[in-house]
């Protein structure tokens, strides 16, 4: 059995919660994952995501139900910021990042930056 990359299960669980139209209990999240995981594994990861502020939990009878506390785009932005924060040469990292963008994404980034300069 191959090991999952770090954070992959958290990402998969977040995707389930983002697509859900209501808070889900751990067993329901596990069903959507369809990976044959133990209930306790999913419940543990949901607890960690709650502690990180990415997931909110509410009482649902004798259990808890979970929903995403942040939109998908916000989490992606947070991850990019964390990588930049951990990089000793932010300018070089940004240069590589911008160089890897498609023309469409580069135009979108330019519009966003132009909007920041106007405020």
Protein backbone atom coordinates (compact mmCIF):
# COMPACT_ATOMS: atom_id res chain seq x y z
CA UNK A 1 0.00 0.00 0.00
CA UNK A 2 1.50 3.35 -1.02
CA UNK A 3 1.63 6.29 1.35
CA UNK A 4 -0.47 9.34 0.54
CA UNK A 5 1.35 12.67 0.15
CA UNK A 6 1.24 14.90 3.24
CA UNK A 7 -2.02 16.79 3.44
CA UNK A 8 -3.72 14.75 0.71
CA UNK A 9 -6.41 13.35 3.00
CA UNK A 10 -7.08 16.80 4.45
CA UNK A 11 -7.47 18.14 0.92
CA UNK A 12 -9.80 15.30 -0.06
CA UNK A 13 -11.95 15.89 3.02
CA UNK A 14 -12.09 19.63 2.33
CA UNK A 15 -13.25 18.91 -1.23
CA UNK A 16 -16.08 16.77 0.13
CA UNK A 17 -17.13 19.54 2.53
CA UNK A 18 -16.95 22.25 -0.16
CA UNK A 19 -19.27 20.26 -2.38
CA UNK A 20 -21.75 19.38 0.35
CA UNK A 21 -24.98 21.34 0.65
CA UNK A 22 -25.12 20.83 4.41
CA UNK A 23 -22.82 19.91 7.32
CA UNK A 24 -21.75 16.27 7.21
CA UNK A 25 -20.99 13.79 9.97
CA UNK A 26 -17.70 11.86 9.79
CA UNK A 27 -19.40 8.70 8.49
CA UNK A 28 -20.99 10.72 5.67
CA UNK A 29 -17.65 12.30 4.79
CA UNK A 30 -16.13 8.82 4.75
CA UNK A 31 -18.85 7.58 2.38
CA UNK A 32 -18.15 10.44 -0.04
CA UNK A 33 -14.42 9.71 0.09
CA UNK A 34 -15.08 6.07 -0.85
CA UNK A 35 -11.55 5.07 0.17
CA UNK A 36 -12.36 2.46 2.81
CA UNK A 37 -10.90 4.52 5.64
CA UNK A 38 -11.64 3.87 9.29
CA UNK A 39 -14.25 6.17 10.86
CA UNK A 40 -11.67 7.23 13.46
CA UNK A 41 -9.23 8.31 10.74
CA UNK A 42 -11.79 10.65 9.19
CA UNK A 43 -12.93 11.93 12.60
CA UNK A 44 -9.32 12.63 13.62
CA UNK A 45 -8.60 14.58 10.44
CA UNK A 46 -11.83 16.55 10.84
CA UNK A 47 -10.71 17.43 14.37
CA UNK A 48 -7.37 18.65 13.07
CA UNK A 49 -9.03 20.71 10.35
CA UNK A 50 -11.30 22.24 13.01
CA UNK A 51 -8.27 23.14 15.15
CA UNK A 52 -6.68 24.81 12.10
CA UNK A 53 -9.82 26.92 11.59
CA UNK A 54 -10.58 25.36 8.21
CA UNK A 55 -13.67 23.46 9.34
CA UNK A 56 -16.54 24.31 11.67
CA UNK A 57 -18.36 21.71 13.70
CA UNK A 58 -21.89 21.84 15.03
CA UNK A 59 -23.76 19.46 17.28
CA UNK A 60 -25.92 16.97 15.41
CA UNK A 61 -27.68 14.86 18.00
CA UNK A 62 -25.05 12.91 19.90
CA UNK A 63 -22.40 13.54 17.27
CA UNK A 64 -20.94 16.45 15.35
CA UNK A 65 -21.44 17.57 11.78
CA UNK A 66 -18.75 19.46 9.88
CA UNK A 67 -18.72 22.14 7.21
CA UNK A 68 -15.98 24.12 5.50
CA UNK A 69 -15.15 27.36 7.33
CA UNK A 70 -13.23 28.87 4.42
CA UNK A 71 -13.87 28.89 0.68
CA UNK A 72 -11.64 26.79 -1.56
CA UNK A 73 -9.96 29.86 -3.08
CA UNK A 74 -9.11 31.25 0.36
CA UNK A 75 -7.34 28.04 1.33
CA UNK A 76 -5.36 28.04 -1.92
CA UNK A 77 -4.33 31.65 -1.27
CA UNK A 78 -3.36 30.80 2.31
CA UNK A 79 -1.18 27.93 1.09
CA UNK A 80 0.58 30.17 -1.44
CA UNK A 81 1.23 32.74 1.29
CA UNK A 82 2.64 30.03 3.60
CA UNK A 83 5.04 28.85 0.90
CA UNK A 84 6.21 32.41 0.27
CA UNK A 85 6.63 33.01 4.00
CA UNK A 86 8.88 29.95 4.27
CA UNK A 87 11.01 30.94 1.27
CA UNK A 88 14.21 32.91 1.96
CA UNK A 89 14.09 34.66 -1.44
CA UNK A 90 10.48 35.71 -1.96
CA UNK A 91 11.28 37.73 -5.07
CA UNK A 92 12.89 34.73 -6.77
CA UNK A 93 10.00 32.45 -5.75
CA UNK A 94 7.49 34.97 -7.08
CA UNK A 95 9.49 35.23 -10.30
CA UNK A 96 9.32 31.46 -10.81
CA UNK A 97 5.63 31.42 -9.92
CA UNK A 98 4.73 34.22 -12.32
CA UNK A 99 6.87 32.59 -15.01
CA UNK A 100 4.85 29.40 -14.67
CA UNK A 101 1.48 31.11 -15.18
CA UNK A 102 -0.52 30.69 -18.34
CA UNK A 103 -1.13 33.86 -20.35
CA UNK A 104 -4.72 33.90 -19.10
CA UNK A 105 -3.67 33.60 -15.44
CA UNK A 106 -0.96 36.24 -15.93
CA UNK A 107 -3.57 38.67 -17.31
CA UNK A 108 -5.85 37.94 -14.34
CA UNK A 109 -2.98 38.55 -11.92
CA UNK A 110 -2.11 41.81 -13.69
CA UNK A 111 -5.73 43.01 -13.34
CA UNK A 112 -5.69 42.16 -9.63
CA UNK A 113 -2.40 43.95 -9.10
CA UNK A 114 -3.58 46.98 -11.05
CA UNK A 115 -6.67 47.08 -8.81
CA UNK A 116 -4.46 47.11 -5.69
CA UNK A 117 -2.38 49.97 -7.04
CA UNK A 118 -5.51 52.07 -7.58
CA UNK A 119 -6.66 51.81 -3.97
